[in-house]
Amino acid sequence: MWMLNEVFGSYPIEMNAVFVVNLVTSLGFGVEFCNHIGMNFMRQTGDRETRAKKALQEMGSSVLVGIASTKFIGVIVLAFAPSTLFKLYYFRMYLFIILLGLFNGLMFLPLVLRWIGPDADPKEIKEHEKDMKVFERMRQIAADKQLK
């Protein structure tokens, strides 16, 4: 809470019911940002560093564009709300939650996985290979339909 007040300044944020609801919501956002990178890390082959790089290459843009930008666009609207309550407890807090979740998912988690991440899961790797074959077949079908 101190960090939020220092970073975004002006209005102090107090501990109340709205703050607690936002705090619980932030846990879900945090999981959403980290889950995709973590699951993709488990599906990669190689050493930890290679797997972390591959996970970021495959899922980083999806997390950034698909999750962060949509949430950011939704929260930006609250910046123009006439109510101080919305500006303080929704805009500023959600903006901070999104930025912190993005940092955790795209910077902090890959570093932690690189240093102390678990070993690759052979079941996940096989499932990933099957998924990639299915996606490649779907691309071929779509390309064939476009040529016709």
N, C-alpha and C. Protein backbone atom coordinates (compact mmCIF):
# COMPACT_ATOMS: atom_id res chain seq x y z
N MET A 1 0.83 -1.18 0.00
CA MET A 1 0.00 0.00 0.00
C MET A 1 0.88 1.26 0.00
N TRP A 2 1.98 1.22 0.75
CA TRP A 2 2.89 2.35 0.77
C TRP A 2 3.44 2.62 -0.62
N MET A 3 3.83 1.53 -1.31
CA MET A 3 4.40 1.68 -2.65
C MET A 3 3.38 2.30 -3.61
N LEU A 4 2.14 1.86 -3.51
CA LEU A 4 1.10 2.41 -4.36
C LEU A 4 0.92 3.90 -4.12
N ASN A 5 0.91 4.33 -2.85
CA ASN A 5 0.77 5.75 -2.53
C ASN A 5 1.98 6.57 -2.99
N GLU A 6 3.17 5.99 -2.88
CA GLU A 6 4.38 6.70 -3.30
C GLU A 6 4.47 6.83 -4.81
N VAL A 7 4.13 5.76 -5.51
CA VAL A 7 4.25 5.76 -6.97
C VAL A 7 3.20 6.66 -7.61
N PHE A 8 1.98 6.54 -7.16
CA PHE A 8 0.89 7.27 -7.81
C PHE A 8 0.46 8.52 -7.05
N GLY A 9 1.02 8.76 -5.89
CA GLY A 9 0.86 10.00 -5.13
C GLY A 9 -0.53 10.58 -5.00
N SER A 10 -0.60 11.81 -4.61
CA SER A 10 -1.76 12.69 -4.39
C SER A 10 -2.76 12.15 -3.38
N TYR A 11 -3.65 11.25 -3.72
CA TYR A 11 -4.65 10.78 -2.78
C TYR A 11 -4.15 9.55 -2.03
N PRO A 12 -4.16 9.58 -0.70
CA PRO A 12 -3.74 8.37 0.03
C PRO A 12 -4.82 7.29 -0.06
N ILE A 13 -4.41 6.06 -0.25
CA ILE A 13 -5.34 4.95 -0.31
C ILE A 13 -5.44 4.33 1.07
N GLU A 14 -6.66 4.22 1.57
CA GLU A 14 -6.88 3.67 2.90
C GLU A 14 -7.35 2.22 2.78
N MET A 15 -7.12 1.48 3.85
CA MET A 15 -7.58 0.09 3.90
C MET A 15 -9.07 0.10 4.21
N ASN A 16 -9.88 -0.40 3.26
CA ASN A 16 -11.32 -0.49 3.45
C ASN A 16 -11.84 -1.66 2.59
N ALA A 17 -13.15 -1.80 2.53
CA ALA A 17 -13.74 -2.94 1.81
C ALA A 17 -13.40 -2.92 0.32
N VAL A 18 -13.40 -1.75 -0.29
CA VAL A 18 -13.08 -1.66 -1.72
C VAL A 18 -11.63 -2.07 -1.96
N PHE A 19 -10.75 -1.63 -1.08
CA PHE A 19 -9.34 -1.99 -1.19
C PHE A 19 -9.16 -3.51 -1.08
N VAL A 20 -9.86 -4.14 -0.15
CA VAL A 20 -9.74 -5.59 0.06
C VAL A 20 -10.27 -6.34 -1.16
N VAL A 21 -11.38 -5.90 -1.73
CA VAL A 21 -11.90 -6.55 -2.94
C VAL A 21 -10.90 -6.43 -4.08
N ASN A 22 -10.30 -5.26 -4.23
CA ASN A 22 -9.29 -5.06 -5.27
C ASN A 22 -8.06 -5.93 -5.01
N LEU A 23 -7.71 -6.10 -3.75
CA LEU A 23 -6.57 -6.94 -3.40
C LEU A 23 -6.81 -8.39 -3.79
N VAL A 24 -8.00 -8.88 -3.52
CA VAL A 24 -8.35 -10.25 -3.90
C VAL A 24 -8.38 -10.39 -5.42
N THR A 25 -8.92 -9.40 -6.11
CA THR A 25 -8.94 -9.41 -7.57
C THR A 25 -7.52 -9.41 -8.14
N SER A 26 -6.62 -8.70 -7.48
CA SER A 26 -5.24 -8.64 -7.97
C SER A 26 -4.57 -10.01 -7.93
N LEU A 27 -4.97 -10.87 -7.01
CA LEU A 27 -4.42 -12.23 -6.98
C LEU A 27 -4.79 -12.98 -8.26
N GLY A 28 -6.03 -12.83 -8.69
CA GLY A 28 -6.45 -13.46 -9.95
C GLY A 28 -5.70 -12.91 -11.14
N PHE A 29 -5.50 -11.59 -11.18
CA PHE A 29 -4.74 -10.99 -12.27
C PHE A 29 -3.30 -11.50 -12.26
N GLY A 30 -2.71 -11.59 -11.09
CA GLY A 30 -1.34 -12.07 -10.97
C GLY A 30 -1.19 -13.48 -11.50
N VAL A 31 -2.15 -14.34 -11.17
CA VAL A 31 -2.12 -15.71 -11.68
C VAL A 31 -2.28 -15.71 -13.19
N GLU A 32 -3.13 -14.87 -13.69
CA GLU A 32 -3.38 -14.81 -15.14
C GLU A 32 -2.11 -14.42 -15.90
N PHE A 33 -1.37 -13.46 -15.39
CA PHE A 33 -0.15 -13.03 -16.06
C PHE A 33 0.93 -14.11 -16.02
N CYS A 34 1.03 -14.83 -14.92
CA CYS A 34 2.12 -15.79 -14.72
C CYS A 34 1.80 -17.19 -15.25
N ASN A 35 0.54 -17.57 -15.27
CA ASN A 35 0.16 -18.94 -15.61
C ASN A 35 0.61 -19.33 -17.02
N HIS A 36 0.41 -18.47 -17.99
CA HIS A 36 0.76 -18.79 -19.37
C HIS A 36 2.26 -19.01 -19.55
N ILE A 37 3.05 -18.16 -18.93
CA ILE A 37 4.51 -18.31 -19.03
C ILE A 37 4.95 -19.57 -18.31
N GLY A 38 4.44 -19.81 -17.12
CA GLY A 38 4.82 -20.99 -16.36
C GLY A 38 4.45 -22.29 -17.04
N MET A 39 3.24 -22.37 -17.58
CA MET A 39 2.82 -23.59 -18.27
C MET A 39 3.64 -23.82 -19.54
N ASN A 40 3.94 -22.77 -20.26
CA ASN A 40 4.75 -22.92 -21.46
C ASN A 40 6.17 -23.33 -21.11
N PHE A 41 6.69 -22.84 -20.00
CA PHE A 41 8.02 -23.23 -19.53
C PHE A 41 8.08 -24.74 -19.31
N MET A 42 7.02 -25.31 -18.74
CA MET A 42 6.99 -26.75 -18.46
C MET A 42 6.92 -27.58 -19.74
N ARG A 43 6.47 -27.01 -20.83
CA ARG A 43 6.30 -27.74 -22.09
C ARG A 43 7.51 -27.64 -23.00
N GLN A 44 8.56 -26.97 -22.58
CA GLN A 44 9.74 -26.77 -23.42
C GLN A 44 10.84 -27.79 -23.09
N THR A 45 11.73 -28.03 -24.06
CA THR A 45 12.88 -28.89 -23.85
C THR A 45 14.13 -28.05 -23.72
N GLY A 46 15.18 -28.63 -23.15
CA GLY A 46 16.44 -27.93 -23.00
C GLY A 46 16.71 -27.60 -21.55
N ASP A 47 17.76 -26.79 -21.33
CA ASP A 47 18.07 -26.39 -19.96
C ASP A 47 17.12 -25.27 -19.54
N ARG A 48 17.23 -24.87 -18.27
CA ARG A 48 16.28 -23.88 -17.74
C ARG A 48 16.32 -22.55 -18.50
N GLU A 49 17.51 -22.09 -18.82
CA GLU A 49 17.62 -20.81 -19.53
C GLU A 49 16.96 -20.88 -20.90
N THR A 50 17.22 -21.95 -21.63
CA THR A 50 16.63 -22.13 -22.96
C THR A 50 15.11 -22.22 -22.86
N ARG A 51 14.63 -22.97 -21.87
CA ARG A 51 13.18 -23.12 -21.70
C ARG A 51 12.53 -21.80 -21.33
N ALA A 52 13.19 -21.00 -20.50
CA ALA A 52 12.63 -19.69 -20.13
C ALA A 52 12.57 -18.77 -21.35
N LYS A 53 13.61 -18.79 -22.17
CA LYS A 53 13.62 -17.97 -23.39
C LYS A 53 12.53 -18.41 -24.36
N LYS A 54 12.40 -19.74 -24.54
CA LYS A 54 11.36 -20.24 -25.44
C LYS A 54 9.97 -19.89 -24.94
N ALA A 55 9.76 -20.00 -23.64
CA ALA A 55 8.45 -19.67 -23.06
C ALA A 55 8.11 -18.20 -23.30
N LEU A 56 9.09 -17.33 -23.12
CA LEU A 56 8.85 -15.90 -23.37
C LEU A 56 8.63 -15.63 -24.84
N GLN A 57 9.37 -16.30 -25.71
CA GLN A 57 9.20 -16.09 -27.15
C GLN A 57 7.81 -16.54 -27.61
N GLU A 58 7.34 -17.66 -27.08
CA GLU A 58 6.05 -18.19 -27.52
C GLU A 58 4.86 -17.50 -26.86
N MET A 59 4.98 -17.15 -25.60
CA MET A 59 3.81 -16.64 -24.87
C MET A 59 3.92 -15.18 -24.45
N GLY A 60 5.11 -14.60 -24.53
CA GLY A 60 5.30 -13.22 -24.07
C GLY A 60 4.42 -12.22 -24.79
N SER A 61 4.37 -12.34 -26.10
CA SER A 61 3.55 -11.39 -26.87
C SER A 61 2.07 -11.60 -26.59
N SER A 62 1.67 -12.84 -26.38
CA SER A 62 0.25 -13.11 -26.06
C SER A 62 -0.13 -12.49 -24.73
N VAL A 63 0.76 -12.61 -23.75
CA VAL A 63 0.50 -12.02 -22.44
C VAL A 63 0.45 -10.50 -22.56
N LEU A 64 1.40 -9.95 -23.27
CA LEU A 64 1.46 -8.49 -23.40
C LEU A 64 0.26 -7.93 -24.15
N VAL A 65 -0.02 -8.48 -25.31
CA VAL A 65 -1.10 -7.95 -26.14
C VAL A 65 -2.46 -8.43 -25.67
N GLY A 66 -2.57 -9.72 -25.44
CA GLY A 66 -3.87 -10.30 -25.13
C GLY A 66 -4.40 -9.97 -23.75
N ILE A 67 -3.53 -9.92 -22.78
CA ILE A 67 -4.00 -9.70 -21.41
C ILE A 67 -3.78 -8.25 -20.99
N ALA A 68 -2.53 -7.81 -21.06
CA ALA A 68 -2.21 -6.48 -20.53
C ALA A 68 -2.92 -5.36 -21.27
N SER A 69 -2.90 -5.41 -22.60
CA SER A 69 -3.49 -4.30 -23.35
C SER A 69 -5.00 -4.24 -23.17
N THR A 70 -5.66 -5.39 -23.13
CA THR A 70 -7.12 -5.35 -22.95
C THR A 70 -7.50 -4.83 -21.57
N LYS A 71 -6.75 -5.25 -20.57
CA LYS A 71 -7.03 -4.75 -19.22
C LYS A 71 -6.68 -3.26 -19.12
N PHE A 72 -5.58 -2.88 -19.75
CA PHE A 72 -5.17 -1.48 -19.72
C PHE A 72 -6.21 -0.59 -20.38
N ILE A 73 -6.71 -1.01 -21.53
CA ILE A 73 -7.73 -0.22 -22.23
C ILE A 73 -8.99 -0.10 -21.37
N GLY A 74 -9.36 -1.18 -20.73
CA GLY A 74 -10.54 -1.15 -19.86
C GLY A 74 -10.37 -0.24 -18.67
N VAL A 75 -9.16 -0.15 -18.15
CA VAL A 75 -8.91 0.66 -16.95
C VAL A 75 -8.72 2.12 -17.30
N ILE A 76 -8.19 2.43 -18.47
CA ILE A 76 -7.95 3.82 -18.88
C ILE A 76 -9.23 4.63 -18.84
N VAL A 77 -10.35 4.01 -19.16
CA VAL A 77 -11.63 4.71 -19.15
C VAL A 77 -11.92 5.28 -17.77
N LEU A 78 -11.50 4.58 -16.73
CA LEU A 78 -11.76 5.04 -15.37
C LEU A 78 -10.97 6.29 -15.00
N ALA A 79 -9.93 6.61 -15.74
CA ALA A 79 -9.15 7.82 -15.46
C ALA A 79 -9.98 9.07 -15.67
N PHE A 80 -10.99 8.97 -16.51
CA PHE A 80 -11.82 10.14 -16.83
C PHE A 80 -13.11 10.18 -16.01
N ALA A 81 -13.23 9.29 -15.04
CA ALA A 81 -14.44 9.27 -14.21
C ALA A 81 -14.46 10.52 -13.32
N PRO A 82 -15.64 11.10 -13.13
CA PRO A 82 -15.73 12.30 -12.29
C PRO A 82 -15.59 11.99 -10.80
N SER A 83 -15.83 10.76 -10.42
CA SER A 83 -15.79 10.37 -9.01
C SER A 83 -14.36 10.09 -8.54
N THR A 84 -14.00 10.66 -7.41
CA THR A 84 -12.70 10.39 -6.81
C THR A 84 -12.58 8.93 -6.41
N LEU A 85 -13.66 8.33 -5.99
CA LEU A 85 -13.67 6.92 -5.61
C LEU A 85 -13.21 6.05 -6.78
N PHE A 86 -13.74 6.29 -7.97
CA PHE A 86 -13.35 5.50 -9.13
C PHE A 86 -11.91 5.77 -9.53
N LYS A 87 -11.50 7.03 -9.49
CA LYS A 87 -10.12 7.35 -9.84
C LYS A 87 -9.13 6.72 -8.86
N LEU A 88 -9.48 6.77 -7.59
CA LEU A 88 -8.56 6.31 -6.55
C LEU A 88 -8.53 4.80 -6.43
N TYR A 89 -9.71 4.21 -6.21
CA TYR A 89 -9.75 2.79 -5.88
C TYR A 89 -9.88 1.87 -7.09
N TYR A 90 -10.23 2.39 -8.22
CA TYR A 90 -10.32 1.53 -9.39
C TYR A 90 -9.25 1.86 -10.41
N PHE A 91 -9.19 3.10 -10.87
CA PHE A 91 -8.19 3.43 -11.89
C PHE A 91 -6.77 3.24 -11.37
N ARG A 92 -6.41 3.93 -10.31
CA ARG A 92 -5.03 3.88 -9.83
C ARG A 92 -4.65 2.49 -9.34
N MET A 93 -5.53 1.86 -8.60
CA MET A 93 -5.19 0.54 -8.07
C MET A 93 -5.11 -0.50 -9.18
N TYR A 94 -6.07 -0.49 -10.10
CA TYR A 94 -6.03 -1.47 -11.18
C TYR A 94 -4.87 -1.22 -12.12
N LEU A 95 -4.55 0.02 -12.38
CA LEU A 95 -3.39 0.33 -13.21
C LEU A 95 -2.13 -0.23 -12.56
N PHE A 96 -1.99 -0.01 -11.27
CA PHE A 96 -0.83 -0.52 -10.53
C PHE A 96 -0.81 -2.05 -10.55
N ILE A 97 -1.98 -2.67 -10.37
CA ILE A 97 -2.08 -4.13 -10.38
C ILE A 97 -1.65 -4.68 -11.75
N ILE A 98 -2.10 -4.05 -12.82
CA ILE A 98 -1.75 -4.50 -14.18
C ILE A 98 -0.25 -4.36 -14.42
N LEU A 99 0.31 -3.22 -14.06
CA LEU A 99 1.74 -3.01 -14.27
C LEU A 99 2.58 -3.97 -13.44
N LEU A 100 2.19 -4.18 -12.19
CA LEU A 100 2.92 -5.10 -11.33
C LEU A 100 2.78 -6.54 -11.82
N GLY A 101 1.58 -6.93 -12.25
CA GLY A 101 1.37 -8.27 -12.79
C GLY A 101 2.16 -8.50 -14.06
N LEU A 102 2.20 -7.49 -14.91
CA LEU A 102 2.97 -7.57 -16.16
C LEU A 102 4.46 -7.73 -15.85
N PHE A 103 4.95 -6.95 -14.91
CA PHE A 103 6.35 -7.07 -14.49
C PHE A 103 6.64 -8.47 -13.95
N ASN A 104 5.76 -8.96 -13.09
CA ASN A 104 5.97 -10.30 -12.51
C ASN A 104 5.93 -11.38 -13.58
N GLY A 105 4.97 -11.31 -14.49
CA GLY A 105 4.81 -12.35 -15.50
C GLY A 105 5.86 -12.35 -16.58
N LEU A 106 6.32 -11.16 -17.00
CA LEU A 106 7.24 -11.09 -18.13
C LEU A 106 8.70 -10.86 -17.75
N MET A 107 8.97 -10.45 -16.52
CA MET A 107 10.36 -10.20 -16.13
C MET A 107 10.79 -11.04 -14.94
N PHE A 108 10.03 -10.97 -13.86
CA PHE A 108 10.45 -11.65 -12.63
C PHE A 108 10.32 -13.17 -12.73
N LEU A 109 9.16 -13.66 -13.17
CA LEU A 109 8.94 -15.11 -13.24
C LEU A 109 9.94 -15.81 -14.17
N PRO A 110 10.20 -15.31 -15.38
CA PRO A 110 11.20 -15.99 -16.22
C PRO A 110 12.59 -16.05 -15.57
N LEU A 111 12.97 -15.01 -14.83
CA LEU A 111 14.26 -15.05 -14.14
C LEU A 111 14.27 -16.12 -13.06
N VAL A 112 13.21 -16.20 -12.29
CA VAL A 112 13.12 -17.21 -11.24
C VAL A 112 13.12 -18.60 -11.85
N LEU A 113 12.37 -18.79 -12.93
CA LEU A 113 12.34 -20.10 -13.59
C LEU A 113 13.72 -20.45 -14.16
N ARG A 114 14.41 -19.46 -14.64
CA ARG A 114 15.75 -19.70 -15.19
C ARG A 114 16.71 -20.18 -14.11
N TRP A 115 16.58 -19.63 -12.91
CA TRP A 115 17.49 -19.99 -11.83
C TRP A 115 17.07 -21.26 -11.08
N ILE A 116 15.79 -21.34 -10.71
CA ILE A 116 15.37 -22.46 -9.86
C ILE A 116 14.11 -23.16 -10.39
N GLY A 117 13.87 -23.07 -11.67
CA GLY A 117 12.68 -23.68 -12.25
C GLY A 117 12.72 -25.20 -12.18
N PRO A 118 11.54 -25.82 -12.23
CA PRO A 118 11.49 -27.28 -12.18
C PRO A 118 11.99 -27.91 -13.49
N ASP A 119 12.26 -29.19 -13.42
CA ASP A 119 12.68 -29.92 -14.62
C ASP A 119 11.51 -30.02 -15.58
N ALA A 120 11.85 -30.29 -16.82
CA ALA A 120 10.81 -30.43 -17.85
C ALA A 120 9.94 -31.64 -17.54
N ASP A 121 8.66 -31.52 -17.84
CA ASP A 121 7.71 -32.60 -17.62
C ASP A 121 7.52 -33.35 -18.93
N PRO A 122 7.94 -34.63 -19.01
CA PRO A 122 7.84 -35.37 -20.27
C PRO A 122 6.41 -35.46 -20.80
N LYS A 123 5.43 -35.57 -19.92
CA LYS A 123 4.02 -35.63 -20.36
C LYS A 123 3.62 -34.32 -21.03
N GLU A 124 4.02 -33.21 -20.44
CA GLU A 124 3.69 -31.90 -21.01
C GLU A 124 4.38 -31.70 -22.35
N ILE A 125 5.61 -32.18 -22.47
CA ILE A 125 6.35 -32.04 -23.72
C ILE A 125 5.67 -32.83 -24.82
N LYS A 126 5.25 -34.06 -24.52
CA LYS A 126 4.55 -34.87 -25.52
C LYS A 126 3.23 -34.22 -25.91
N GLU A 127 2.51 -33.69 -24.93
CA GLU A 127 1.24 -33.02 -25.23
C GLU A 127 1.48 -31.79 -26.09
N HIS A 128 2.54 -31.05 -25.81
CA HIS A 128 2.88 -29.86 -26.59
C HIS A 128 3.21 -30.25 -28.04
N GLU A 129 3.95 -31.33 -28.22
CA GLU A 129 4.28 -31.79 -29.57
C GLU A 129 3.03 -32.21 -30.33
N LYS A 130 2.10 -32.89 -29.65
CA LYS A 130 0.84 -33.26 -30.30
C LYS A 130 0.04 -32.01 -30.67
N ASP A 131 -0.01 -31.05 -29.77
CA ASP A 131 -0.72 -29.80 -30.05
C ASP A 131 -0.13 -29.09 -31.26
N MET A 132 1.19 -29.05 -31.33
CA MET A 132 1.85 -28.37 -32.45
C MET A 132 1.55 -29.07 -33.77
N LYS A 133 1.47 -30.40 -33.76
CA LYS A 133 1.12 -31.13 -34.97
C LYS A 133 -0.31 -30.81 -35.41
N VAL A 134 -1.22 -30.75 -34.44
CA VAL A 134 -2.61 -30.43 -34.75
C VAL A 134 -2.71 -29.01 -35.32
N PHE A 135 -2.02 -28.05 -34.68
CA PHE A 135 -2.06 -26.67 -35.16
C PHE A 135 -1.46 -26.55 -36.55
N GLU A 136 -0.39 -27.29 -36.82
CA GLU A 136 0.22 -27.26 -38.14
C GLU A 136 -0.73 -27.83 -39.19
N ARG A 137 -1.42 -28.91 -38.83
CA ARG A 137 -2.40 -29.50 -39.75
C ARG A 137 -3.55 -28.52 -40.02
N MET A 138 -4.00 -27.81 -38.98
CA MET A 138 -5.06 -26.82 -39.15
C MET A 138 -4.60 -25.69 -40.06
N ARG A 139 -3.35 -25.26 -39.93
CA ARG A 139 -2.80 -24.22 -40.81
C ARG A 139 -2.78 -24.69 -42.26
N GLN A 140 -2.40 -25.95 -42.46
CA GLN A 140 -2.35 -26.50 -43.81
C GLN A 140 -3.75 -26.55 -44.43
N ILE A 141 -4.74 -26.96 -43.64
CA ILE A 141 -6.12 -27.00 -44.13
C ILE A 141 -6.59 -25.60 -44.49
N ALA A 142 -6.32 -24.63 -43.64
CA ALA A 142 -6.71 -23.25 -43.92
C ALA A 142 -6.02 -22.71 -45.17
N ALA A 143 -4.74 -23.03 -45.33
CA ALA A 143 -4.01 -22.59 -46.52
C ALA A 143 -4.58 -23.23 -47.79
N ASP A 144 -4.92 -24.51 -47.68
CA ASP A 144 -5.53 -25.19 -48.85
C ASP A 144 -6.87 -24.57 -49.23
N LYS A 145 -7.66 -24.19 -48.24
CA LYS A 145 -8.96 -23.57 -48.52
C LYS A 145 -8.80 -22.21 -49.17
N GLN A 146 -7.75 -21.47 -48.78
CA GLN A 146 -7.52 -20.16 -49.37
C GLN A 146 -7.06 -20.27 -50.81
N LEU A 147 -6.34 -21.32 -51.14
CA LEU A 147 -5.87 -21.51 -52.51
C LEU A 147 -7.00 -21.89 -53.46
N LYS A 148 -8.08 -22.49 -52.94
CA LYS A 148 -9.17 -22.93 -53.79
C LYS A 148 -10.06 -21.81 -54.23
